[in-house]
All heavy atoms as atom14 arrays in JSON, in Angstrom:
{
  "sequence": "ISELTLYIVLINTVLGILFGSFPLFFGLRMKNRKYGFYG",
  "atom14_mask": [
    [1, 1, 1, 1, 1, 1, 1, 1, 0, 0, 0, 0, 0, 0],
    [1, 1, 1, 1, 1, 1, 0, 0, 0, 0, 0, 0, 0, 0],
    [1, 1, 1, 1, 1, 1, 1, 1, 1, 0, 0, 0, 0, 0],
    [1, 1, 1, 1, 1, 1, 1, 1, 0, 0, 0, 0, 0, 0],
    [1, 1, 1, 1, 1, 1, 1, 0, 0, 0, 0, 0, 0, 0],
    [1, 1, 1, 1, 1, 1, 1, 1, 0, 0, 0, 0, 0, 0],
    [1, 1, 1, 1, 1, 1, 1, 1, 1, 1, 1, 1, 0, 0],
    [1, 1, 1, 1, 1, 1, 1, 1, 0, 0, 0, 0, 0, 0],
    [1, 1, 1, 1, 1, 1, 1, 0, 0, 0, 0, 0, 0, 0],
    [1, 1, 1, 1, 1, 1, 1, 1, 0, 0, 0, 0, 0, 0],
    [1, 1, 1, 1, 1, 1, 1, 1, 0, 0, 0, 0, 0, 0],
    [1, 1, 1, 1, 1, 1, 1, 1, 0, 0, 0, 0, 0, 0],
    [1, 1, 1, 1, 1, 1, 1, 0, 0, 0, 0, 0, 0, 0],
    [1, 1, 1, 1, 1, 1, 1, 0, 0, 0, 0, 0, 0, 0],
    [1, 1, 1, 1, 1, 1, 1, 1, 0, 0, 0, 0, 0, 0],
    [1, 1, 1, 1, 0, 0, 0, 0, 0, 0, 0, 0, 0, 0],
    [1, 1, 1, 1, 1, 1, 1, 1, 0, 0, 0, 0, 0, 0],
    [1, 1, 1, 1, 1, 1, 1, 1, 0, 0, 0, 0, 0, 0],
    [1, 1, 1, 1, 1, 1, 1, 1, 1, 1, 1, 0, 0, 0],
    [1, 1, 1, 1, 0, 0, 0, 0, 0, 0, 0, 0, 0, 0],
    [1, 1, 1, 1, 1, 1, 0, 0, 0, 0, 0, 0, 0, 0],
    [1, 1, 1, 1, 1, 1, 1, 1, 1, 1, 1, 0, 0, 0],
    [1, 1, 1, 1, 1, 1, 1, 0, 0, 0, 0, 0, 0, 0],
    [1, 1, 1, 1, 1, 1, 1, 1, 0, 0, 0, 0, 0, 0],
    [1, 1, 1, 1, 1, 1, 1, 1, 1, 1, 1, 0, 0, 0],
    [1, 1, 1, 1, 1, 1, 1, 1, 1, 1, 1, 0, 0, 0],
    [1, 1, 1, 1, 0, 0, 0, 0, 0, 0, 0, 0, 0, 0],
    [1, 1, 1, 1, 1, 1, 1, 1, 0, 0, 0, 0, 0, 0],
    [1, 1, 1, 1, 1, 1, 1, 1, 1, 1, 1, 0, 0, 0],
    [1, 1, 1, 1, 1, 1, 1, 1, 0, 0, 0, 0, 0, 0],
    [1, 1, 1, 1, 1, 1, 1, 1, 1, 0, 0, 0, 0, 0],
    [1, 1, 1, 1, 1, 1, 1, 1, 0, 0, 0, 0, 0, 0],
    [1, 1, 1, 1, 1, 1, 1, 1, 1, 1, 1, 0, 0, 0],
    [1, 1, 1, 1, 1, 1, 1, 1, 1, 0, 0, 0, 0, 0],
    [1, 1, 1, 1, 1, 1, 1, 1, 1, 1, 1, 1, 0, 0],
    [1, 1, 1, 1, 0, 0, 0, 0, 0, 0, 0, 0, 0, 0],
    [1, 1, 1, 1, 1, 1, 1, 1, 1, 1, 1, 0, 0, 0],
    [1, 1, 1, 1, 1, 1, 1, 1, 1, 1, 1, 1, 0, 0],
    [1, 1, 1, 1, 0, 0, 0, 0, 0, 0, 0, 0, 0, 0]
  ],
  "atom14_positions": [
    [[12.38, -65.7, -47.03], [13.34, -64.69, -47.48], [12.68, -63.35, -47.42], [13.28, -62.36, -47.0], [13.98, -65.02, -48.85], [14.72, -66.34, -48.82], [14.8, -63.84, -49.28], [15.96, -66.25, -47.93], [0.0, 0.0, 0.0], [0.0, 0.0, 0.0], [0.0, 0.0, 0.0], [0.0, 0.0, 0.0], [0.0, 0.0, 0.0], [0.0, 0.0, 0.0]],
    [[11.43, -63.18, -47.91], [10.82, -61.85, -47.95], [10.55, -61.38, -46.52], [10.69, -60.17, -46.21], [9.54, -61.93, -48.74], [8.63, -62.85, -48.1], [0.0, 0.0, 0.0], [0.0, 0.0, 0.0], [0.0, 0.0, 0.0], [0.0, 0.0, 0.0], [0.0, 0.0, 0.0], [0.0, 0.0, 0.0], [0.0, 0.0, 0.0], [0.0, 0.0, 0.0]],
    [[10.21, -62.26, -45.55], [10.0, -61.89, -44.2], [11.34, -61.41, -43.55], [11.39, -60.42, -42.82], [9.4, -63.0, -43.37], [7.89, -63.29, -43.68], [7.38, -64.46, -42.95], [8.25, -65.33, -42.56], [6.21, -64.57, -42.76], [0.0, 0.0, 0.0], [0.0, 0.0, 0.0], [0.0, 0.0, 0.0], [0.0, 0.0, 0.0], [0.0, 0.0, 0.0]],
    [[12.41, -62.2, -43.81], [13.67, -61.84, -43.3], [14.2, -60.45, -43.79], [14.67, -59.67, -43.05], [14.7, -62.94, -43.65], [16.15, -62.71, -43.16], [16.19, -62.7, -41.63], [17.08, -63.76, -43.76], [0.0, 0.0, 0.0], [0.0, 0.0, 0.0], [0.0, 0.0, 0.0], [0.0, 0.0, 0.0], [0.0, 0.0, 0.0], [0.0, 0.0, 0.0]],
    [[13.94, -60.27, -45.15], [14.29, -59.01, -45.74], [13.48, -57.85, -45.02], [14.12, -56.78, -44.73], [14.01, -58.99, -47.19], [14.69, -60.1, -47.81], [14.47, -57.68, -47.84], [0.0, 0.0, 0.0], [0.0, 0.0, 0.0], [0.0, 0.0, 0.0], [0.0, 0.0, 0.0], [0.0, 0.0, 0.0], [0.0, 0.0, 0.0], [0.0, 0.0, 0.0]],
    [[12.2, -58.0, -44.8], [11.39, -57.05, -44.14], [11.9, -56.79, -42.72], [12.02, -55.56, -42.33], [9.98, -57.52, -44.1], [8.99, -56.58, -43.35], [8.86, -55.24, -44.13], [7.65, -57.21, -43.18], [0.0, 0.0, 0.0], [0.0, 0.0, 0.0], [0.0, 0.0, 0.0], [0.0, 0.0, 0.0], [0.0, 0.0, 0.0], [0.0, 0.0, 0.0]],
    [[12.26, -57.81, -41.94], [12.75, -57.6, -40.59], [14.07, -56.82, -40.61], [14.31, -56.0, -39.74], [12.92, -58.91, -39.86], [11.62, -59.57, -39.58], [11.45, -60.97, -39.72], [10.49, -58.88, -39.13], [10.28, -61.59, -39.41], [9.27, -59.49, -38.86], [9.16, -60.83, -38.99], [7.99, -61.46, -38.7], [0.0, 0.0, 0.0], [0.0, 0.0, 0.0]],
    [[14.94, -57.11, -41.57], [16.23, -56.43, -41.6], [16.08, -55.04, -41.97], [16.71, -54.13, -41.39], [17.21, -57.2, -42.68], [17.63, -58.57, -42.05], [18.36, -56.33, -42.99], [18.35, -59.41, -43.08], [0.0, 0.0, 0.0], [0.0, 0.0, 0.0], [0.0, 0.0, 0.0], [0.0, 0.0, 0.0], [0.0, 0.0, 0.0], [0.0, 0.0, 0.0]],
    [[15.17, -54.72, -42.93], [14.98, -53.37, -43.31], [14.31, -52.55, -42.16], [14.67, -51.4, -41.87], [14.02, -53.24, -44.61], [13.5, -51.85, -44.8], [14.74, -53.7, -45.78], [0.0, 0.0, 0.0], [0.0, 0.0, 0.0], [0.0, 0.0, 0.0], [0.0, 0.0, 0.0], [0.0, 0.0, 0.0], [0.0, 0.0, 0.0], [0.0, 0.0, 0.0]],
    [[13.38, -53.15, -41.39], [12.76, -52.53, -40.25], [13.77, -52.21, -39.18], [13.83, -51.14, -38.5], [11.65, -53.36, -39.69], [10.34, -53.38, -40.51], [9.32, -54.37, -39.9], [9.78, -51.99, -40.68], [0.0, 0.0, 0.0], [0.0, 0.0, 0.0], [0.0, 0.0, 0.0], [0.0, 0.0, 0.0], [0.0, 0.0, 0.0], [0.0, 0.0, 0.0]],
    [[14.64, -53.19, -38.88], [15.72, -52.98, -37.85], [16.69, -51.89, -38.27], [17.04, -50.96, -37.46], [16.43, -54.3, -37.53], [15.54, -55.25, -36.81], [17.69, -54.04, -36.72], [15.98, -56.66, -36.69], [0.0, 0.0, 0.0], [0.0, 0.0, 0.0], [0.0, 0.0, 0.0], [0.0, 0.0, 0.0], [0.0, 0.0, 0.0], [0.0, 0.0, 0.0]],
    [[17.03, -51.88, -39.55], [18.0, -50.86, -40.05], [17.29, -49.48, -40.09], [17.98, -48.5, -39.86], [18.51, -51.25, -41.38], [19.48, -52.39, -41.38], [20.09, -52.6, -40.36], [19.58, -53.1, -42.47], [0.0, 0.0, 0.0], [0.0, 0.0, 0.0], [0.0, 0.0, 0.0], [0.0, 0.0, 0.0], [0.0, 0.0, 0.0], [0.0, 0.0, 0.0]],
    [[15.99, -49.45, -40.38], [15.23, -48.16, -40.29], [15.26, -47.63, -38.93], [15.45, -46.41, -38.67], [13.82, -48.3, -40.82], [13.89, -48.84, -42.2], [13.15, -46.98, -40.88], [0.0, 0.0, 0.0], [0.0, 0.0, 0.0], [0.0, 0.0, 0.0], [0.0, 0.0, 0.0], [0.0, 0.0, 0.0], [0.0, 0.0, 0.0], [0.0, 0.0, 0.0]],
    [[15.1, -48.47, -37.94], [15.09, -48.06, -36.45], [16.53, -47.51, -36.21], [16.58, -46.45, -35.54], [14.67, -49.07, -35.55], [14.91, -48.8, -34.13], [13.21, -49.47, -35.81], [0.0, 0.0, 0.0], [0.0, 0.0, 0.0], [0.0, 0.0, 0.0], [0.0, 0.0, 0.0], [0.0, 0.0, 0.0], [0.0, 0.0, 0.0], [0.0, 0.0, 0.0]],
    [[17.51, -48.17, -36.65], [18.89, -47.65, -36.4], [19.07, -46.3, -37.1], [19.72, -45.38, -36.54], [19.94, -48.66, -36.92], [20.12, -49.9, -36.07], [21.02, -50.91, -36.77], [20.59, -49.5, -34.73], [0.0, 0.0, 0.0], [0.0, 0.0, 0.0], [0.0, 0.0, 0.0], [0.0, 0.0, 0.0], [0.0, 0.0, 0.0], [0.0, 0.0, 0.0]],
    [[18.48, -46.1, -38.29], [18.57, -44.84, -38.98], [17.78, -43.75, -38.18], [18.37, -42.61, -38.17], [0.0, 0.0, 0.0], [0.0, 0.0, 0.0], [0.0, 0.0, 0.0], [0.0, 0.0, 0.0], [0.0, 0.0, 0.0], [0.0, 0.0, 0.0], [0.0, 0.0, 0.0], [0.0, 0.0, 0.0], [0.0, 0.0, 0.0], [0.0, 0.0, 0.0]],
    [[16.74, -44.08, -37.56], [16.02, -43.08, -36.75], [16.88, -42.77, -35.57], [17.0, -41.58, -35.15], [14.71, -43.67, -36.34], [13.75, -43.75, -37.53], [14.04, -42.79, -35.26], [12.42, -44.48, -37.29], [0.0, 0.0, 0.0], [0.0, 0.0, 0.0], [0.0, 0.0, 0.0], [0.0, 0.0, 0.0], [0.0, 0.0, 0.0], [0.0, 0.0, 0.0]],
    [[17.48, -43.75, -35.0], [18.38, -43.52, -33.74], [19.53, -42.56, -34.18], [19.85, -41.57, -33.45], [18.88, -44.84, -33.21], [19.86, -44.73, -32.02], [19.12, -44.26, -30.85], [20.51, -46.06, -31.75], [0.0, 0.0, 0.0], [0.0, 0.0, 0.0], [0.0, 0.0, 0.0], [0.0, 0.0, 0.0], [0.0, 0.0, 0.0], [0.0, 0.0, 0.0]],
    [[20.22, -42.92, -35.23], [21.37, -42.1, -35.59], [20.94, -40.75, -36.19], [21.68, -39.73, -35.96], [22.26, -42.78, -36.65], [23.05, -43.97, -36.12], [22.97, -45.21, -36.69], [23.86, -43.84, -34.99], [23.69, -46.28, -36.24], [24.59, -44.87, -34.49], [24.52, -46.08, -35.09], [0.0, 0.0, 0.0], [0.0, 0.0, 0.0], [0.0, 0.0, 0.0]],
    [[19.83, -40.72, -36.84], [19.33, -39.48, -37.44], [18.79, -38.47, -36.33], [18.7, -37.26, -36.6], [0.0, 0.0, 0.0], [0.0, 0.0, 0.0], [0.0, 0.0, 0.0], [0.0, 0.0, 0.0], [0.0, 0.0, 0.0], [0.0, 0.0, 0.0], [0.0, 0.0, 0.0], [0.0, 0.0, 0.0], [0.0, 0.0, 0.0], [0.0, 0.0, 0.0]],
    [[18.52, -38.95, -35.17], [18.09, -38.1, -34.08], [19.23, -37.15, -33.57], [18.92, -36.02, -33.1], [17.52, -38.92, -32.92], [18.52, -39.65, -32.29], [0.0, 0.0, 0.0], [0.0, 0.0, 0.0], [0.0, 0.0, 0.0], [0.0, 0.0, 0.0], [0.0, 0.0, 0.0], [0.0, 0.0, 0.0], [0.0, 0.0, 0.0], [0.0, 0.0, 0.0]],
    [[20.45, -37.48, -33.79], [21.52, -36.65, -33.43], [21.64, -35.38, -34.25], [21.65, -34.26, -33.69], [22.84, -37.37, -33.37], [23.0, -38.46, -32.31], [22.87, -39.77, -32.62], [23.2, -38.05, -31.04], [22.93, -40.73, -31.61], [23.27, -38.95, -29.96], [23.16, -40.32, -30.31], [0.0, 0.0, 0.0], [0.0, 0.0, 0.0], [0.0, 0.0, 0.0]],
    [[21.65, -35.43, -35.58], [21.68, -34.16, -36.31], [20.39, -33.38, -36.17], [20.37, -32.1, -36.16], [21.84, -34.58, -37.79], [21.62, -36.04, -37.84], [21.82, -36.57, -36.48], [0.0, 0.0, 0.0], [0.0, 0.0, 0.0], [0.0, 0.0, 0.0], [0.0, 0.0, 0.0], [0.0, 0.0, 0.0], [0.0, 0.0, 0.0], [0.0, 0.0, 0.0]],
    [[19.24, -34.11, -35.88], [18.02, -33.4, -35.68], [18.02, -32.62, -34.44], [17.62, -31.48, -34.32], [16.79, -34.32, -35.73], [15.44, -33.8, -35.55], [15.06, -32.94, -36.73], [14.37, -34.86, -35.36], [0.0, 0.0, 0.0], [0.0, 0.0, 0.0], [0.0, 0.0, 0.0], [0.0, 0.0, 0.0], [0.0, 0.0, 0.0], [0.0, 0.0, 0.0]],
    [[18.56, -33.21, -33.32], [18.72, -32.58, -32.08], [19.59, -31.33, -32.19], [19.25, -30.24, -31.7], [19.22, -33.58, -30.96], [19.55, -32.91, -29.68], [18.54, -32.48, -28.83], [20.9, -32.71, -29.36], [18.89, -31.86, -27.63], [21.25, -32.12, -28.17], [20.2, -31.7, -27.33], [0.0, 0.0, 0.0], [0.0, 0.0, 0.0], [0.0, 0.0, 0.0]],
    [[20.8, -31.55, -32.72], [21.77, -30.46, -32.87], [21.23, -29.39, -33.78], [21.51, -28.22, -33.62], [23.12, -30.98, -33.31], [23.9, -31.61, -32.23], [24.21, -32.98, -32.31], [24.35, -30.91, -31.13], [24.87, -33.56, -31.28], [25.05, -31.49, -30.11], [25.33, -32.85, -30.17], [0.0, 0.0, 0.0], [0.0, 0.0, 0.0], [0.0, 0.0, 0.0]],
    [[20.54, -29.77, -34.8], [20.01, -28.76, -35.7], [18.94, -27.97, -35.09], [18.97, -26.69, -35.24], [0.0, 0.0, 0.0], [0.0, 0.0, 0.0], [0.0, 0.0, 0.0], [0.0, 0.0, 0.0], [0.0, 0.0, 0.0], [0.0, 0.0, 0.0], [0.0, 0.0, 0.0], [0.0, 0.0, 0.0], [0.0, 0.0, 0.0], [0.0, 0.0, 0.0]],
    [[18.11, -28.46, -34.23], [17.11, -27.69, -33.52], [17.77, -26.85, -32.41], [17.4, -25.7, -32.18], [16.06, -28.59, -32.89], [15.14, -29.31, -33.87], [14.25, -30.36, -33.1], [14.28, -28.37, -34.7], [0.0, 0.0, 0.0], [0.0, 0.0, 0.0], [0.0, 0.0, 0.0], [0.0, 0.0, 0.0], [0.0, 0.0, 0.0], [0.0, 0.0, 0.0]],
    [[18.78, -27.43, -31.79], [19.4, -26.74, -30.74], [20.3, -25.51, -31.2], [20.31, -24.48, -30.61], [20.31, -27.69, -29.92], [21.03, -27.14, -28.81], [20.6, -27.8, -27.53], [21.44, -27.42, -26.48], [20.99, -26.91, -25.36], [19.77, -26.72, -25.19], [21.83, -26.49, -24.43], [0.0, 0.0, 0.0], [0.0, 0.0, 0.0], [0.0, 0.0, 0.0]],
    [[20.92, -25.7, -32.33], [21.79, -24.68, -32.88], [21.08, -23.75, -33.89], [21.74, -22.99, -34.58], [23.04, -25.31, -33.58], [23.86, -26.21, -32.62], [24.74, -25.18, -31.49], [25.61, -26.45, -30.61], [0.0, 0.0, 0.0], [0.0, 0.0, 0.0], [0.0, 0.0, 0.0], [0.0, 0.0, 0.0], [0.0, 0.0, 0.0], [0.0, 0.0, 0.0]],
    [[19.82, -23.88, -33.98], [19.02, -23.06, -34.85], [19.42, -23.26, -36.32], [19.49, -22.28, -37.09], [19.09, -21.57, -34.49], [18.54, -21.34, -33.12], [18.58, -19.88, -32.81], [17.9, -19.63, -31.46], [18.74, -19.71, -30.35], [0.0, 0.0, 0.0], [0.0, 0.0, 0.0], [0.0, 0.0, 0.0], [0.0, 0.0, 0.0], [0.0, 0.0, 0.0]],
    [[19.61, -24.51, -36.72], [19.94, -24.87, -38.09], [19.02, -26.07, -38.41], [19.43, -27.19, -38.68], [21.39, -25.25, -38.26], [21.82, -25.3, -39.65], [21.0, -25.3, -40.6], [23.12, -25.32, -39.91], [0.0, 0.0, 0.0], [0.0, 0.0, 0.0], [0.0, 0.0, 0.0], [0.0, 0.0, 0.0], [0.0, 0.0, 0.0], [0.0, 0.0, 0.0]],
    [[17.74, -25.73, -38.58], [16.69, -26.78, -38.76], [16.85, -27.49, -40.09], [16.48, -28.66, -40.17], [15.31, -26.25, -38.58], [15.11, -25.7, -37.2], [13.72, -25.09, -37.09], [13.53, -24.64, -35.71], [12.44, -24.15, -35.25], [11.47, -23.94, -36.06], [12.34, -23.8, -34.0], [0.0, 0.0, 0.0], [0.0, 0.0, 0.0], [0.0, 0.0, 0.0]],
    [[17.29, -26.75, -41.11], [17.37, -27.33, -42.44], [18.35, -28.52, -42.43], [17.96, -29.66, -42.86], [17.8, -26.29, -43.45], [17.8, -26.82, -44.91], [18.12, -25.75, -45.87], [19.63, -25.49, -46.01], [19.98, -24.61, -47.12], [0.0, 0.0, 0.0], [0.0, 0.0, 0.0], [0.0, 0.0, 0.0], [0.0, 0.0, 0.0], [0.0, 0.0, 0.0]],
    [[19.55, -28.3, -41.99], [20.51, -29.45, -41.98], [20.09, -30.52, -41.03], [20.31, -31.71, -41.27], [21.89, -28.98, -41.57], [22.68, -28.28, -42.7], [23.75, -27.5, -42.39], [22.41, -28.53, -44.02], [24.46, -26.84, -43.43], [23.1, -27.95, -45.04], [24.11, -27.13, -44.71], [24.82, -26.5, -45.75], [0.0, 0.0, 0.0], [0.0, 0.0, 0.0]],
    [[19.47, -30.16, -39.91], [19.02, -31.17, -38.95], [17.94, -32.0, -39.51], [17.98, -33.27, -39.33], [0.0, 0.0, 0.0], [0.0, 0.0, 0.0], [0.0, 0.0, 0.0], [0.0, 0.0, 0.0], [0.0, 0.0, 0.0], [0.0, 0.0, 0.0], [0.0, 0.0, 0.0], [0.0, 0.0, 0.0], [0.0, 0.0, 0.0], [0.0, 0.0, 0.0]],
    [[16.91, -31.46, -40.23], [15.89, -32.19, -40.85], [16.45, -33.09, -41.98], [16.13, -34.27, -42.12], [14.83, -31.27, -41.37], [13.63, -31.95, -41.96], [12.76, -32.66, -41.21], [13.48, -31.97, -43.34], [11.65, -33.36, -41.71], [12.37, -32.63, -43.96], [11.49, -33.28, -43.13], [0.0, 0.0, 0.0], [0.0, 0.0, 0.0], [0.0, 0.0, 0.0]],
    [[17.29, -32.55, -42.86], [17.88, -33.28, -43.94], [18.77, -34.48, -43.37], [18.69, -35.63, -43.92], [18.73, -32.47, -44.81], [17.95, -31.49, -45.73], [18.51, -30.31, -46.19], [16.63, -31.8, -46.14], [17.82, -29.46, -47.01], [15.92, -30.96, -47.02], [16.53, -29.8, -47.37], [15.87, -28.97, -48.24], [0.0, 0.0, 0.0], [0.0, 0.0, 0.0]],
    [[19.49, -34.18, -42.39], [20.28, -35.26, -41.72], [19.44, -36.38, -41.24], [19.83, -37.56, -41.33], [0.0, 0.0, 0.0], [0.0, 0.0, 0.0], [0.0, 0.0, 0.0], [0.0, 0.0, 0.0], [0.0, 0.0, 0.0], [0.0, 0.0, 0.0], [0.0, 0.0, 0.0], [0.0, 0.0, 0.0], [0.0, 0.0, 0.0], [0.0, 0.0, 0.0]]
  ]
}
C-alpha cells in the first residue's frame, strides 16, 4: 500500500507539473511572473 501510494503521488505530481506549466508559460510571456510562478 505504501508503494502504491508513492506511485500515485508521483504520477499526480507529474500531472501537476504538466498543468502548472501553462500558467508559468503565460505568466512569463505576459510579463506577470508572480501569478505564473504561484500557479
